[in-house]
Each structure stands twice: as C-alpha cells, then as structure tokens.
Amino acid sequence: MSRPAALPRSLLVAALFLSLLPAPSRADGRFDALRAQAEPLDSLPAFAARYVGSCRDPGERAACEQNVRAARKAMDGRLYATVISERAGELLKVERRGAGFRFLLTPFLDADGLALTHGAPRLDARGRPTIGYLVIDSRPGVDEATVEAALRTGRIELEILFRPEAAFRLSRRGADRSYQGVRARFAAVRLVDGRTGTEIAVKFP
C-alpha cells in the first residue's frame, strides 16, 4: 500500500501559522443566522436605482411606471444584505461610555445620488434631509485598542440587513431636483473591524 505524500515544509508552517491565528470574535450567532436568510447585494446603487425607477420618456412612461411598481412589489419585504466599507466612518459619531463605546449611526446611506434609509427622512428648516440616529453600543468586553485602531485607520465596516418598504421623494425647496431613495426597515446592523472581522457592535432595531 502506498503511503500518502508528505506535505512540503513550507505548507506545514503556513498551516500551523493559520491555526494559531485568533478566530474573529463574535458575541453570538444571531446576526449570522439572520444574514444567512438575506440576499446579498453586489451593488447598493444598482438596487436603489431599480427600486426607485426612472421614467422620463413621456411615450414610455405608463409602461415604465408599471414595470417599476411590479419590481417594487417583488422586492418589498424581502431581506437584503449590504456592506458599507469605504467611508463608513462618516456615518458614525462615536462616544466613550465607560470601558465601551456608543455609536450614533445616521441611517441615510448614499447610493450614487439615491439613498437607503431606516424609516422615513424629512426636510429640516433649511431644506436638507434629516433622520434620527440609530444608537448602537459596543459589545461588552470588546477590546478598546481594537476599536480605536479600526476608527483611526478607517477600517470600520457596516453590515446592514434590511427590508425595503417604499420609495420616497423629498422636494428640495427652490430647486428642480429632489432627494429620492428607498425607505427601508433595518433588521440588523453590525460594526466590524474590516481587517480582522472582529465584531465591535450589533443592533437589532
């Protein structure tokens, strides 16, 4: 009987190194279990554009609007997953809370001129869109140095699970254009260290 070939020493060393790396820290499996039920989005802007629709040709408007309504009906209530990595920190205000952190998330996500929101936005006195914060506390026992390093280096990532509910349009005062987007209900939000995968905070609104 032939003996199995021995692995090269370099592969053995690499395997040993990987086995010694710490696994990403997770508080529990609730977020992962919910994410397993969601449809991941390759592009949030493409999703928002399809949901909101753009029917500008007068001759095709009726058919176009019918198609948009059918598309929305098919998407409403379904669970989707999106990840915000670049510029995620711009959506967050951070406060220290004892040994932990409190994150104030502005749930108004840019999608190339459209938006994805948690709940309905409104216009303030100056005609700008405004929406309430989502308050997310860091996971108990999370390493402070990990959070501070992720914030400092801009490697915070937002993982958002949401269900679309309706399209919205806010008319800009004194302007021809308007703010448009997808009004949704966020089912869960998770903040992670994008380099290590360490879970920093989770919120089930």
C-alpha atoms as a PDB file:
ATOM      1  CA  MET A   1       0.000   0.000   0.000  1.00  0.00           C
ATOM      2  CA  SER A   2       1.408   3.378  -0.986  1.00  0.00           C
ATOM      3  CA  ARG A   3       1.977   5.932   1.735  1.00  0.00           C
ATOM      4  CA  PRO A   4       0.449   9.425   1.390  1.00  0.00           C
ATOM      5  CA  ALA A   5       2.902  12.022   0.192  1.00  0.00           C
ATOM      6  CA  ALA A   6       4.294  14.301   2.888  1.00  0.00           C
ATOM      7  CA  LEU A   7       3.378  17.980   2.716  1.00  0.00           C
ATOM      8  CA  PRO A   8       6.222  20.372   1.902  1.00  0.00           C
ATOM      9  CA  ARG A   9       7.675  22.030   4.982  1.00  0.00           C
ATOM     10  CA  SER A  10       6.523  25.476   3.769  1.00  0.00           C
ATOM     11  CA  LEU A  11       2.886  24.324   3.658  1.00  0.00           C
ATOM     12  CA  LEU A  12       3.159  22.785   7.107  1.00  0.00           C
ATOM     13  CA  VAL A  13       4.489  26.043   8.517  1.00  0.00           C
ATOM     14  CA  ALA A  14       1.730  28.032   6.824  1.00  0.00           C
ATOM     15  CA  ALA A  15      -0.955  25.676   8.151  1.00  0.00           C
ATOM     16  CA  LEU A  16       0.469  25.919  11.666  1.00  0.00           C
ATOM     17  CA  PHE A  17       0.520  29.731  11.436  1.00  0.00           C
ATOM     18  CA  LEU A  18      -3.107  29.883  10.301  1.00  0.00           C
ATOM     19  CA  SER A  19      -4.174  27.533  13.085  1.00  0.00           C
ATOM     20  CA  LEU A  20      -2.651  29.879  15.657  1.00  0.00           C
ATOM     21  CA  LEU A  21      -4.453  32.977  14.387  1.00  0.00           C
ATOM     22  CA  PRO A  22      -7.337  34.042  16.639  1.00  0.00           C
ATOM     23  CA  ALA A  23     -10.789  33.455  15.194  1.00  0.00           C
ATOM     24  CA  PRO A  24     -12.917  36.561  14.616  1.00  0.00           C
ATOM     25  CA  SER A  25     -14.664  37.457  17.851  1.00  0.00           C
ATOM     26  CA  ARG A  26     -18.467  37.125  17.711  1.00  0.00           C
ATOM     27  CA  ALA A  27     -20.937  37.826  20.517  1.00  0.00           C
ATOM     28  CA  ASP A  28     -23.458  35.202  19.380  1.00  0.00           C
ATOM     29  CA  GLY A  29     -24.832  33.764  16.176  1.00  0.00           C
ATOM     30  CA  ARG A  30     -27.999  35.835  15.826  1.00  0.00           C
ATOM     31  CA  PHE A  31     -26.671  38.211  13.192  1.00  0.00           C
ATOM     32  CA  ASP A  32     -25.036  35.429  11.179  1.00  0.00           C
ATOM     33  CA  ALA A  33     -28.216  33.338  11.317  1.00  0.00           C
ATOM     34  CA  LEU A  34     -30.277  36.259  10.025  1.00  0.00           C
ATOM     35  CA  ARG A  35     -27.718  37.137   7.368  1.00  0.00           C
ATOM     36  CA  ALA A  36     -27.888  33.565   6.064  1.00  0.00           C
ATOM     37  CA  GLN A  37     -31.533  34.272   5.153  1.00  0.00           C
ATOM     38  CA  ALA A  38     -30.719  37.517   3.301  1.00  0.00           C
ATOM     39  CA  GLU A  39     -29.973  38.110  -0.355  1.00  0.00           C
ATOM     40  CA  PRO A  40     -26.541  39.785  -0.635  1.00  0.00           C
ATOM     41  CA  LEU A  41     -26.330  42.849  -2.876  1.00  0.00           C
ATOM     42  CA  ASP A  42     -23.388  43.291  -5.198  1.00  0.00           C
ATOM     43  CA  SER A  43     -24.292  46.965  -5.665  1.00  0.00           C
ATOM     44  CA  LEU A  44     -26.478  49.108  -3.412  1.00  0.00           C
ATOM     45  CA  PRO A  45     -26.738  51.884  -6.065  1.00  0.00           C
ATOM     46  CA  ALA A  46     -27.995  49.383  -8.668  1.00  0.00           C
ATOM     47  CA  PHE A  47     -30.563  48.049  -6.203  1.00  0.00           C
ATOM     48  CA  ALA A  48     -31.773  51.560  -5.325  1.00  0.00           C
ATOM     49  CA  ALA A  49     -31.972  52.591  -8.992  1.00  0.00           C
ATOM     50  CA  ARG A  50     -34.082  49.552  -9.834  1.00  0.00           C
ATOM     51  CA  TYR A  51     -36.368  50.098  -6.839  1.00  0.00           C
ATOM     52  CA  VAL A  52     -36.878  53.845  -7.335  1.00  0.00           C
ATOM     53  CA  GLY A  53     -37.033  53.701 -11.134  1.00  0.00           C
ATOM     54  CA  SER A  54     -36.601  56.490 -13.662  1.00  0.00           C
ATOM     55  CA  CYS A  55     -39.411  57.013 -16.159  1.00  0.00           C
ATOM     56  CA  ARG A  56     -38.578  60.108 -18.167  1.00  0.00           C
ATOM     57  CA  ASP A  57     -39.751  59.268 -21.678  1.00  0.00           C
ATOM     58  CA  PRO A  58     -43.363  60.531 -21.968  1.00  0.00           C
ATOM     59  CA  GLY A  59     -44.177  57.922 -24.599  1.00  0.00           C
ATOM     60  CA  GLU A  60     -42.981  55.044 -22.415  1.00  0.00           C
ATOM     61  CA  ARG A  61     -43.893  56.419 -19.007  1.00  0.00           C
ATOM     62  CA  ALA A  62     -47.028  54.379 -18.373  1.00  0.00           C
ATOM     63  CA  ALA A  63     -45.338  51.050 -19.191  1.00  0.00           C
ATOM     64  CA  CYS A  64     -42.194  52.079 -17.322  1.00  0.00           C
ATOM     65  CA  GLU A  65     -44.088  53.005 -14.164  1.00  0.00           C
ATOM     66  CA  GLN A  66     -45.993  49.721 -14.324  1.00  0.00           C
ATOM     67  CA  ASN A  67     -42.703  47.833 -14.507  1.00  0.00           C
ATOM     68  CA  VAL A  68     -41.298  49.806 -11.563  1.00  0.00           C
ATOM     69  CA  ARG A  69     -44.367  49.018  -9.449  1.00  0.00           C
ATOM     70  CA  ALA A  70     -44.034  45.332 -10.300  1.00  0.00           C
ATOM     71  CA  ALA A  71     -40.342  45.366  -9.379  1.00  0.00           C
ATOM     72  CA  ARG A  72     -41.043  47.039  -6.043  1.00  0.00           C
ATOM     73  CA  LYS A  73     -43.799  44.583  -5.241  1.00  0.00           C
ATOM     74  CA  ALA A  74     -41.371  41.732  -5.841  1.00  0.00           C
ATOM     75  CA  MET A  75     -38.724  43.306  -3.585  1.00  0.00           C
ATOM     76  CA  ASP A  76     -40.855  44.695  -0.742  1.00  0.00           C
ATOM     77  CA  GLY A  77     -40.494  42.792   2.497  1.00  0.00           C
ATOM     78  CA  ARG A  78     -37.601  40.625   1.326  1.00  0.00           C
ATOM     79  CA  LEU A  79     -34.422  40.619   3.377  1.00  0.00           C
ATOM     80  CA  TYR A  80     -31.285  42.033   1.759  1.00  0.00           C
ATOM     81  CA  ALA A  81     -27.704  42.410   2.953  1.00  0.00           C
ATOM     82  CA  THR A  82     -25.286  45.173   2.071  1.00  0.00           C
ATOM     83  CA  VAL A  83     -21.812  46.074   3.328  1.00  0.00           C
ATOM     84  CA  ILE A  84     -20.544  49.643   3.642  1.00  0.00           C
ATOM     85  CA  SER A  85     -16.769  49.723   3.873  1.00  0.00           C
ATOM     86  CA  GLU A  86     -15.422  52.856   2.233  1.00  0.00           C
ATOM     87  CA  ARG A  87     -16.342  55.996   4.202  1.00  0.00           C
ATOM     88  CA  ALA A  88     -18.438  54.026   6.697  1.00  0.00           C
ATOM     89  CA  GLY A  89     -16.911  56.114   9.471  1.00  0.00           C
ATOM     90  CA  GLU A  90     -18.525  59.234   8.021  1.00  0.00           C
ATOM     91  CA  LEU A  91     -21.928  57.838   9.007  1.00  0.00           C
ATOM     92  CA  LEU A  92     -20.886  57.407  12.638  1.00  0.00           C
ATOM     93  CA  LYS A  93     -20.438  59.631  15.650  1.00  0.00           C
ATOM     94  CA  VAL A  94     -18.563  57.926  18.462  1.00  0.00           C
ATOM     95  CA  GLU A  95     -18.869  58.491  22.211  1.00  0.00           C
ATOM     96  CA  ARG A  96     -16.953  56.818  25.022  1.00  0.00           C
ATOM     97  CA  ARG A  97     -19.150  55.013  27.531  1.00  0.00           C
ATOM     98  CA  GLY A  98     -17.058  53.793  30.454  1.00  0.00           C
ATOM     99  CA  ALA A  99     -14.977  50.947  29.077  1.00  0.00           C
ATOM    100  CA  GLY A 100     -17.032  50.805  25.881  1.00  0.00           C
ATOM    101  CA  PHE A 101     -18.260  52.921  23.020  1.00  0.00           C
ATOM    102  CA  ARG A 102     -21.577  54.272  21.782  1.00  0.00           C
ATOM    103  CA  PHE A 103     -22.018  54.701  18.033  1.00  0.00           C
ATOM    104  CA  LEU A 104     -24.604  57.106  16.637  1.00  0.00           C
ATOM    105  CA  LEU A 105     -25.358  55.904  13.124  1.00  0.00           C
ATOM    106  CA  THR A 106     -27.011  58.193  10.589  1.00  0.00           C
ATOM    107  CA  PRO A 107     -29.159  55.647   8.688  1.00  0.00           C
ATOM    108  CA  PHE A 108     -29.139  57.612   5.423  1.00  0.00           C
ATOM    109  CA  LEU A 109     -26.840  55.689   3.066  1.00  0.00           C
ATOM    110  CA  ASP A 110     -25.727  57.256  -0.195  1.00  0.00           C
ATOM    111  CA  ALA A 111     -26.356  55.172  -3.309  1.00  0.00           C
ATOM    112  CA  ASP A 112     -24.924  57.310  -6.130  1.00  0.00           C
ATOM    113  CA  GLY A 113     -27.456  60.105  -5.812  1.00  0.00           C
ATOM    114  CA  LEU A 114     -30.201  57.975  -4.299  1.00  0.00           C
ATOM    115  CA  ALA A 115     -30.400  56.837  -0.680  1.00  0.00           C
ATOM    116  CA  LEU A 116     -31.264  53.893   1.537  1.00  0.00           C
ATOM    117  CA  THR A 117     -32.799  54.945   4.845  1.00  0.00           C
ATOM    118  CA  HIS A 118     -34.049  53.339   8.037  1.00  0.00           C
ATOM    119  CA  GLY A 119     -37.502  54.856   8.354  1.00  0.00           C
ATOM    120  CA  ALA A 120     -38.738  57.996   6.637  1.00  0.00           C
ATOM    121  CA  PRO A 121     -36.440  61.015   6.317  1.00  0.00           C
ATOM    122  CA  ARG A 122     -37.775  64.558   6.358  1.00  0.00           C
ATOM    123  CA  LEU A 123     -36.548  68.017   5.425  1.00  0.00           C
ATOM    124  CA  ASP A 124     -35.259  70.366   8.109  1.00  0.00           C
ATOM    125  CA  ALA A 125     -35.870  74.121   8.243  1.00  0.00           C
ATOM    126  CA  ARG A 126     -33.068  74.680   5.736  1.00  0.00           C
ATOM    127  CA  GLY A 127     -34.455  72.173   3.255  1.00  0.00           C
ATOM    128  CA  ARG A 128     -31.912  69.448   3.953  1.00  0.00           C
ATOM    129  CA  PRO A 129     -32.828  65.799   4.615  1.00  0.00           C
ATOM    130  CA  THR A 130     -32.660  64.731   8.231  1.00  0.00           C
ATOM    131  CA  ILE A 131     -33.286  61.473  10.061  1.00  0.00           C
ATOM    132  CA  GLY A 132     -32.901  60.188  13.606  1.00  0.00           C
ATOM    133  CA  TYR A 133     -29.795  58.361  14.770  1.00  0.00           C
ATOM    134  CA  LEU A 134     -29.616  54.644  15.398  1.00  0.00           C
ATOM    135  CA  VAL A 135     -27.866  54.197  18.759  1.00  0.00           C
ATOM    136  CA  ILE A 136     -25.545  51.178  18.841  1.00  0.00           C
ATOM    137  CA  ASP A 137     -23.495  50.241  21.902  1.00  0.00           C
ATOM    138  CA  SER A 138     -20.275  48.279  21.572  1.00  0.00           C
ATOM    139  CA  ARG A 139     -20.291  44.630  22.532  1.00  0.00           C
ATOM    140  CA  PRO A 140     -19.451  44.010  26.204  1.00  0.00           C
ATOM    141  CA  GLY A 141     -15.818  43.087  26.614  1.00  0.00           C
ATOM    142  CA  VAL A 142     -14.735  44.277  23.180  1.00  0.00           C
ATOM    143  CA  ASP A 143     -11.079  45.250  23.106  1.00  0.00           C
ATOM    144  CA  GLU A 144     -10.754  49.034  23.318  1.00  0.00           C
ATOM    145  CA  ALA A 145      -7.485  49.091  21.398  1.00  0.00           C
ATOM    146  CA  THR A 146      -9.094  47.182  18.522  1.00  0.00           C
ATOM    147  CA  VAL A 147     -11.933  49.679  18.270  1.00  0.00           C
ATOM    148  CA  GLU A 148      -9.641  52.699  18.494  1.00  0.00           C
ATOM    149  CA  ALA A 149      -7.325  51.274  15.820  1.00  0.00           C
ATOM    150  CA  ALA A 150     -10.247  50.487  13.498  1.00  0.00           C
ATOM    151  CA  LEU A 151     -11.602  54.014  13.900  1.00  0.00           C
ATOM    152  CA  ARG A 152      -8.200  55.626  13.468  1.00  0.00           C
ATOM    153  CA  THR A 153      -7.313  53.709  10.322  1.00  0.00           C
ATOM    154  CA  GLY A 154     -10.777  53.866   8.744  1.00  0.00           C
ATOM    155  CA  ARG A 155     -11.278  50.122   8.597  1.00  0.00           C
ATOM    156  CA  ILE A 156     -14.700  50.094  10.267  1.00  0.00           C
ATOM    157  CA  GLU A 157     -17.257  48.250   8.158  1.00  0.00           C
ATOM    158  CA  LEU A 158     -21.043  48.343   8.406  1.00  0.00           C
ATOM    159  CA  GLU A 159     -23.039  45.221   7.630  1.00  0.00           C
ATOM    160  CA  ILE A 160     -26.711  46.065   7.191  1.00  0.00           C
ATOM    161  CA  LEU A 161     -29.665  43.712   6.819  1.00  0.00           C
ATOM    162  CA  PHE A 162     -32.788  45.497   5.630  1.00  0.00           C
ATOM    163  CA  ARG A 163     -36.260  45.091   4.160  1.00  0.00           C
ATOM    164  CA  PRO A 164     -37.441  47.714   1.627  1.00  0.00           C
ATOM    165  CA  GLU A 165     -40.842  49.226   2.322  1.00  0.00           C
ATOM    166  CA  ALA A 166     -41.420  52.102  -0.126  1.00  0.00           C
ATOM    167  CA  ALA A 167     -39.777  54.697  -2.321  1.00  0.00           C
ATOM    168  CA  PHE A 168     -39.552  58.267  -1.022  1.00  0.00           C
ATOM    169  CA  ARG A 169     -39.131  61.663  -2.611  1.00  0.00           C
ATOM    170  CA  LEU A 170     -38.349  64.909  -0.784  1.00  0.00           C
ATOM    171  CA  SER A 171     -38.644  68.039  -2.892  1.00  0.00           C
ATOM    172  CA  ARG A 172     -35.797  70.489  -2.469  1.00  0.00           C
ATOM    173  CA  ARG A 173     -37.027  73.981  -1.769  1.00  0.00           C
ATOM    174  CA  GLY A 174     -36.356  76.309  -4.691  1.00  0.00           C
ATOM    175  CA  ALA A 175     -34.794  73.557  -6.790  1.00  0.00           C
ATOM    176  CA  ASP A 176     -35.947  71.349  -9.626  1.00  0.00           C
ATOM    177  CA  ARG A 177     -34.283  68.234  -8.220  1.00  0.00           C
ATOM    178  CA  SER A 178     -35.387  66.210  -5.216  1.00  0.00           C
ATOM    179  CA  TYR A 179     -33.970  63.716  -2.752  1.00  0.00           C
ATOM    180  CA  GLN A 180     -35.066  60.196  -3.649  1.00  0.00           C
ATOM    181  CA  GLY A 181     -34.413  56.771  -2.330  1.00  0.00           C
ATOM    182  CA  VAL A 182     -35.594  53.578  -0.668  1.00  0.00           C
ATOM    183  CA  ARG A 183     -37.317  53.745   2.698  1.00  0.00           C
ATOM    184  CA  ALA A 184     -36.500  50.519   4.473  1.00  0.00           C
ATOM    185  CA  ARG A 185     -36.591  48.863   7.860  1.00  0.00           C
ATOM    186  CA  PHE A 186     -33.160  47.822   9.090  1.00  0.00           C
ATOM    187  CA  ALA A 187     -33.447  44.331  10.563  1.00  0.00           C
ATOM    188  CA  ALA A 188     -29.902  44.339  11.949  1.00  0.00           C
ATOM    189  CA  VAL A 189     -26.722  46.397  11.834  1.00  0.00           C
ATOM    190  CA  ARG A 190     -23.248  45.148  12.705  1.00  0.00           C
ATOM    191  CA  LEU A 191     -19.966  47.055  13.020  1.00  0.00           C
ATOM    192  CA  VAL A 192     -16.845  45.025  12.418  1.00  0.00           C
ATOM    193  CA  ASP A 193     -13.132  45.568  12.107  1.00  0.00           C
ATOM    194  CA  GLY A 194     -12.684  45.126   8.373  1.00  0.00           C
ATOM    195  CA  ARG A 195      -9.168  43.709   8.751  1.00  0.00           C
ATOM    196  CA  THR A 196      -9.753  41.102  11.439  1.00  0.00           C
ATOM    197  CA  GLY A 197     -13.508  40.527  11.221  1.00  0.00           C
ATOM    198  CA  THR A 198     -13.868  41.260  14.932  1.00  0.00           C
ATOM    199  CA  GLU A 199     -17.425  42.138  15.844  1.00  0.00           C
ATOM    200  CA  ILE A 200     -17.497  45.533  17.545  1.00  0.00           C
ATOM    201  CA  ALA A 201     -21.222  46.188  17.931  1.00  0.00           C
ATOM    202  CA  VAL A 202     -24.564  44.772  16.864  1.00  0.00           C
ATOM    203  CA  LYS A 203     -28.020  46.334  16.780  1.00  0.00           C
ATOM    204  CA  PHE A 204     -31.399  44.746  16.075  1.00  0.00           C
ATOM    205  CA  PRO A 205     -33.631  47.845  15.671  1.00  0.00           C
END
